[in-house]
Amino acid sequence: MAQYIGYVEGARKEVHRLGNRVSGLTATAHGWTAGASVRMWYDRDAGEDRIEVRLDHGSDGTESRILWSGTASEARRFVDVGELKQLADTEDIP
């Protein structure tokens, strides 16, 4: 049974992909010089979903940095745009 669903749309029509507690789901988008990925999986120790957001150097794949990582309940705090701006203003993200 699917616990996660991902969507992607490019030059062709939109497609969906499913993930479950075992497989999780990773969505990645890369340009030549920058990229981003989001990974979701079930954390048995926390008893809930985890989310990790990464930024990287794109297709050359040389380096990636975690922008944010936490549980689903922690992620809910950042749904409000004002709180996202506050995170960006206070975190040291080179």
Protein backbone atom coordinates (compact mmCIF):
# COMPACT_ATOMS: atom_id res chain seq x y z
CA MET A 1 0.00 0.00 0.00
CA ALA A 2 1.35 3.43 -0.94
CA GLN A 3 2.16 5.85 1.85
CA TYR A 4 3.84 8.46 -0.38
CA ILE A 5 3.05 9.86 -3.81
CA GLY A 6 5.32 11.95 -6.02
CA TYR A 7 4.48 13.99 -9.11
CA VAL A 8 6.75 15.08 -11.94
CA GLU A 9 6.00 17.09 -15.05
CA GLY A 10 8.46 18.10 -17.74
CA ALA A 11 8.28 18.18 -21.51
CA ARG A 12 5.69 15.39 -21.39
CA LYS A 13 2.56 14.86 -19.35
CA GLU A 14 2.56 14.66 -15.56
CA VAL A 15 3.32 11.24 -14.06
CA HIS A 16 2.98 9.89 -10.53
CA ARG A 17 5.15 7.52 -8.55
CA LEU A 18 4.30 5.75 -5.31
CA GLY A 19 6.38 4.78 -2.30
CA ASN A 20 5.65 2.75 0.81
CA ARG A 21 7.12 2.47 4.33
CA VAL A 22 9.85 0.14 3.08
CA SER A 23 10.85 1.94 -0.13
CA GLY A 24 10.21 5.55 0.88
CA LEU A 25 10.15 8.11 -1.93
CA THR A 26 12.86 10.39 -3.33
CA ALA A 27 12.16 13.19 -5.81
CA THR A 28 15.09 14.91 -7.52
CA ALA A 29 15.35 17.77 -10.02
CA HIS A 30 18.72 18.81 -11.50
CA GLY A 31 19.89 21.52 -13.82
CA TRP A 32 23.48 21.72 -15.04
CA THR A 33 24.69 23.75 -12.06
CA ALA A 34 22.08 23.37 -9.31
CA GLY A 35 19.63 20.79 -8.06
CA ALA A 36 17.35 19.80 -5.24
CA SER A 37 15.95 16.61 -3.81
CA VAL A 38 13.36 15.66 -1.25
CA ARG A 39 13.35 12.26 0.44
CA MET A 40 10.52 10.88 2.59
CA TRP A 41 10.63 7.63 4.56
CA TYR A 42 9.14 6.04 7.64
CA ASP A 43 11.33 6.30 10.75
CA ARG A 44 10.45 3.35 13.00
CA ASP A 45 12.27 4.88 16.00
CA ALA A 46 10.32 8.14 15.78
CA GLY A 47 7.11 6.33 14.82
CA GLU A 48 6.43 8.78 11.99
CA ASP A 49 7.56 9.97 8.58
CA ARG A 50 10.84 11.81 8.12
CA ILE A 51 11.64 14.36 5.45
CA GLU A 52 15.04 15.47 4.15
CA VAL A 53 15.53 18.38 1.74
CA ARG A 54 18.89 18.72 -0.04
CA LEU A 55 20.45 21.25 -2.38
CA ASP A 56 23.35 20.31 -4.64
CA HIS A 57 25.53 21.33 -7.57
CA GLY A 58 23.24 19.76 -10.14
CA SER A 59 24.17 17.27 -12.80
CA ASP A 60 27.88 17.27 -11.97
CA GLY A 61 26.92 15.67 -8.62
CA THR A 62 29.98 16.96 -6.78
CA GLU A 63 28.44 18.10 -3.50
CA SER A 64 25.13 18.17 -1.68
CA ARG A 65 24.06 19.83 1.54
CA ILE A 66 21.07 19.10 3.75
CA LEU A 67 18.87 22.18 3.81
CA TRP A 68 16.39 20.70 6.28
CA SER A 69 15.74 17.32 7.90
CA GLY A 70 13.13 16.36 10.47
CA THR A 71 9.96 14.48 11.27
CA ALA A 72 6.62 15.14 9.62
CA SER A 73 5.31 16.79 12.79
CA GLU A 74 8.34 19.13 12.84
CA ALA A 75 7.75 19.95 9.16
CA ARG A 76 4.25 21.21 9.87
CA ARG A 77 5.74 24.27 11.62
CA PHE A 78 7.25 25.38 8.30
CA VAL A 79 4.05 25.35 6.26
CA ASP A 80 3.47 28.99 7.16
CA VAL A 81 5.48 31.23 4.79
CA GLY A 82 6.44 33.58 7.63
CA GLU A 83 8.10 30.73 9.51
CA LEU A 84 9.98 29.65 6.36
CA LYS A 85 11.33 33.17 6.00
CA GLN A 86 12.36 33.14 9.65
CA LEU A 87 14.26 29.87 9.11
CA ALA A 88 16.05 31.33 6.09
CA ASP A 89 16.99 34.47 8.05
CA THR A 90 18.38 32.61 11.06
CA GLU A 91 20.05 29.49 9.64
CA ASP A 92 23.60 29.63 8.33
CA ILE A 93 23.22 28.07 4.88
CA PRO A 94 26.26 28.81 2.67
